[in-house]
C-alpha cells in the first residue's frame, strides 16, 4: 500500500510515490537511453518495456520496505528516487536515484531529491543510516550525494562488474 505522501520542492516540483498509472513512454524511453542507464542496475542489463517498468513500479508499491518516488517538475515525471530495504528496527535503508530526463541534468535536481528523500526517511522511519552504492566513475552522482550531505566510506566493492564505493548520509552518524 502506497503512503499518501507528497514532498514539495522548489520551482513547482514535488516527489510522491509512483503508481503503475504514472508510467509514461518518456519514463520507459529515458531508462533505455544508454547515457541514463549507464549506472542503473536493471535497465542496463536488459531493454525496458512498458510492461517491465510497470512491473517494477508495482513491485515497489507492494513492498512495505520500499518507496519509489517520482520527481515531478510541473506535472511531468522527470525521474525517480528509490528508498528501499527500509528497516526501522536496524535504523537503516538504501537509496538510489535516476533522473531519466537529461534536460534537467546539471541543475541541482539530483541533490535536492536525494536530500529531501533522506530527510523524509529520517523523520518518518527514525533511521540513523541511509546508504547508497555509487560506482567510482559516476562523478555526477558522487557530486549530487555529497551536496546532499552524504559522505564516502572506505568501503570499496565490485558491483555488477564495476568498482563502487558505499556512501552514507552524514546526518545519520551518531556522535
Protein backbone atom coordinates (compact mmCIF):
# COMPACT_ATOMS: atom_id res chain seq x y z
CA UNK A 1 0.00 0.00 0.00
CA UNK A 2 1.46 3.34 -1.05
CA UNK A 3 1.73 6.02 1.59
CA UNK A 4 -0.35 9.13 0.92
CA UNK A 5 2.62 11.42 0.72
CA UNK A 6 3.94 14.37 -1.21
CA UNK A 7 7.24 16.15 -0.61
CA UNK A 8 7.23 19.65 -2.05
CA UNK A 9 10.36 21.01 -3.69
CA UNK A 10 11.19 24.45 -5.10
CA UNK A 11 10.28 25.55 -8.62
CA UNK A 12 6.85 23.91 -8.85
CA UNK A 13 8.31 20.45 -8.25
CA UNK A 14 7.38 17.63 -5.89
CA UNK A 15 8.07 13.99 -5.05
CA UNK A 16 5.40 11.39 -4.50
CA UNK A 17 5.25 7.59 -4.55
CA UNK A 18 4.77 6.27 -8.07
CA UNK A 19 1.78 4.24 -9.15
CA UNK A 20 1.63 1.96 -12.17
CA UNK A 21 -0.60 4.50 -13.89
CA UNK A 22 2.29 7.02 -13.71
CA UNK A 23 4.43 5.03 -16.16
CA UNK A 24 4.81 7.03 -19.36
CA UNK A 25 6.60 6.41 -22.67
CA UNK A 26 9.07 9.13 -21.62
CA UNK A 27 9.91 7.17 -18.46
CA UNK A 28 10.47 3.94 -20.42
CA UNK A 29 12.45 5.70 -23.17
CA UNK A 30 14.58 7.50 -20.57
CA UNK A 31 15.52 4.22 -18.90
CA UNK A 32 16.58 2.86 -22.30
CA UNK A 33 18.82 5.86 -23.04
CA UNK A 34 22.38 4.45 -22.79
CA UNK A 35 23.67 7.63 -21.16
CA UNK A 36 20.92 7.45 -18.49
CA UNK A 37 21.11 3.73 -17.78
CA UNK A 38 24.89 3.51 -17.72
CA UNK A 39 24.88 3.34 -13.90
CA UNK A 40 21.46 1.74 -13.35
CA UNK A 41 21.47 -1.93 -12.47
CA UNK A 42 18.29 -3.36 -14.02
CA UNK A 43 17.87 -1.10 -17.06
CA UNK A 44 21.42 -1.61 -18.29
CA UNK A 45 21.04 -5.39 -18.15
CA UNK A 46 18.01 -5.56 -20.43
CA UNK A 47 15.92 -3.25 -22.59
CA UNK A 48 12.99 -1.83 -20.66
CA UNK A 49 9.43 -2.03 -21.93
CA UNK A 50 6.18 -0.57 -20.71
CA UNK A 51 5.49 -3.96 -19.08
CA UNK A 52 8.86 -4.27 -17.29
CA UNK A 53 8.69 -0.71 -15.94
CA UNK A 54 5.08 -1.19 -14.79
CA UNK A 55 6.14 -4.44 -13.08
CA UNK A 56 9.00 -2.62 -11.30
CA UNK A 57 6.70 0.20 -10.14
CA UNK A 58 4.06 -2.31 -8.97
CA UNK A 59 6.63 -4.38 -7.05
CA UNK A 60 7.89 -1.26 -5.24
CA UNK A 61 4.34 -0.11 -4.48
CA UNK A 62 3.58 -3.50 -2.92
CA UNK A 63 6.82 -3.69 -0.92
CA UNK A 64 6.39 -2.32 2.64
CA UNK A 65 10.17 -1.80 2.83
CA UNK A 66 10.39 0.40 -0.28
CA UNK A 67 9.11 3.66 -1.71
CA UNK A 68 9.72 4.56 -5.34
CA UNK A 69 9.30 8.33 -5.50
CA UNK A 70 8.60 10.10 -8.77
CA UNK A 71 10.13 13.53 -9.33
CA UNK A 72 7.57 15.80 -10.94
CA UNK A 73 8.55 19.20 -12.26
CA UNK A 74 5.34 20.93 -13.18
CA UNK A 75 3.11 17.98 -13.97
CA UNK A 76 5.77 15.96 -15.81
CA UNK A 77 7.56 12.90 -14.41
CA UNK A 78 11.30 13.52 -14.84
CA UNK A 79 13.00 10.96 -12.59
CA UNK A 80 12.75 8.60 -9.65
CA UNK A 81 14.36 8.13 -6.26
CA UNK A 82 14.04 4.75 -4.58
CA UNK A 83 14.25 4.32 -0.82
CA UNK A 84 14.47 0.58 -0.25
CA UNK A 85 15.39 -2.10 2.24
CA UNK A 86 13.89 0.22 4.85
CA UNK A 87 14.50 -1.39 8.24
CA UNK A 88 13.36 0.84 11.12
CA UNK A 89 14.45 -1.86 13.59
CA UNK A 90 18.04 -1.56 12.43
CA UNK A 91 17.62 2.14 11.63
CA UNK A 92 18.83 1.84 8.05
CA UNK A 93 17.78 1.95 4.41
CA UNK A 94 19.29 2.22 0.92
CA UNK A 95 18.73 4.98 -1.59
CA UNK A 96 19.16 5.26 -5.35
CA UNK A 97 18.22 7.89 -7.92
CA UNK A 98 17.56 8.05 -11.66
CA UNK A 99 16.92 11.32 -13.43
CA UNK A 100 15.87 9.92 -16.79
CA UNK A 101 15.09 13.31 -18.35
CA UNK A 102 18.53 14.56 -19.34
CA UNK A 103 17.22 18.09 -19.95
CA UNK A 104 17.23 18.65 -16.17
CA UNK A 105 20.76 17.37 -15.55
CA UNK A 106 23.25 19.83 -14.09
CA UNK A 107 20.54 21.97 -12.45
CA UNK A 108 20.84 20.62 -8.89
CA UNK A 109 17.77 18.38 -9.02
CA UNK A 110 19.72 15.26 -8.02
CA UNK A 111 21.00 16.69 -4.74
CA UNK A 112 17.61 18.29 -3.93
CA UNK A 113 15.80 14.99 -4.46
CA UNK A 114 18.37 12.95 -2.53
CA UNK A 115 18.32 15.36 0.41
CA UNK A 116 14.50 15.54 0.51
CA UNK A 117 14.08 11.75 0.47
CA UNK A 118 16.83 11.26 3.09
CA UNK A 119 15.27 13.87 5.39
CA UNK A 120 11.85 12.25 4.93
CA UNK A 121 13.31 8.83 5.76
CA UNK A 122 14.87 10.11 8.97
CA UNK A 123 11.67 11.84 10.09
CA UNK A 124 9.22 9.13 9.03
CA UNK A 125 11.15 6.00 9.99
CA UNK A 126 13.61 7.22 12.61
CA UNK A 127 16.53 5.98 10.53
CA UNK A 128 20.08 6.53 11.68
CA UNK A 129 21.79 5.45 8.46
CA UNK A 130 20.99 5.74 4.76
CA UNK A 131 23.38 4.06 2.35
CA UNK A 132 23.98 4.46 -1.38
CA UNK A 133 26.32 2.46 -3.59
CA UNK A 134 27.91 4.66 -6.24
CA UNK A 135 30.25 3.46 -8.96
CA UNK A 136 33.64 5.14 -8.69
CA UNK A 137 33.50 6.76 -12.13
CA UNK A 138 29.97 8.16 -11.67
CA UNK A 139 31.18 11.69 -10.94
CA UNK A 140 27.76 13.37 -11.30
CA UNK A 141 26.16 11.04 -8.76
CA UNK A 142 29.08 11.45 -6.36
CA UNK A 143 28.69 15.26 -6.55
CA UNK A 144 24.92 15.05 -6.01
CA UNK A 145 25.21 12.77 -2.99
CA UNK A 146 28.00 14.90 -1.49
CA UNK A 147 25.95 18.08 -1.94
CA UNK A 148 23.00 16.30 -0.29
CA UNK A 149 25.05 15.53 2.84
CA UNK A 150 26.36 12.04 2.14
CA UNK A 151 29.99 11.10 2.76
CA UNK A 152 32.10 8.36 1.23
CA UNK A 153 33.08 5.37 3.31
CA UNK A 154 36.33 3.50 2.92
CA UNK A 155 34.36 0.51 1.66
CA UNK A 156 35.06 -0.25 -2.00
CA UNK A 157 33.41 -3.25 -3.63
CA UNK A 158 32.60 -4.72 -7.01
CA UNK A 159 29.03 -4.14 -8.11
CA UNK A 160 27.80 -5.54 -11.41
CA UNK A 161 31.27 -5.60 -12.92
CA UNK A 162 32.31 -2.11 -11.80
CA UNK A 163 34.16 -0.69 -8.82
CA UNK A 164 31.78 1.06 -6.40
CA UNK A 165 32.01 2.74 -3.02
CA UNK A 166 29.44 2.96 -0.25
CA UNK A 167 28.22 6.41 0.75
CA UNK A 168 26.19 7.19 3.82
CA UNK A 169 24.10 10.11 4.91
CA UNK A 170 26.24 12.40 7.07
CA UNK A 171 23.40 13.48 9.37
CA UNK A 172 22.94 9.83 10.32
CA UNK A 173 26.30 9.39 12.01
CA UNK A 174 25.85 9.02 15.75
CA UNK A 175 28.09 11.24 17.83
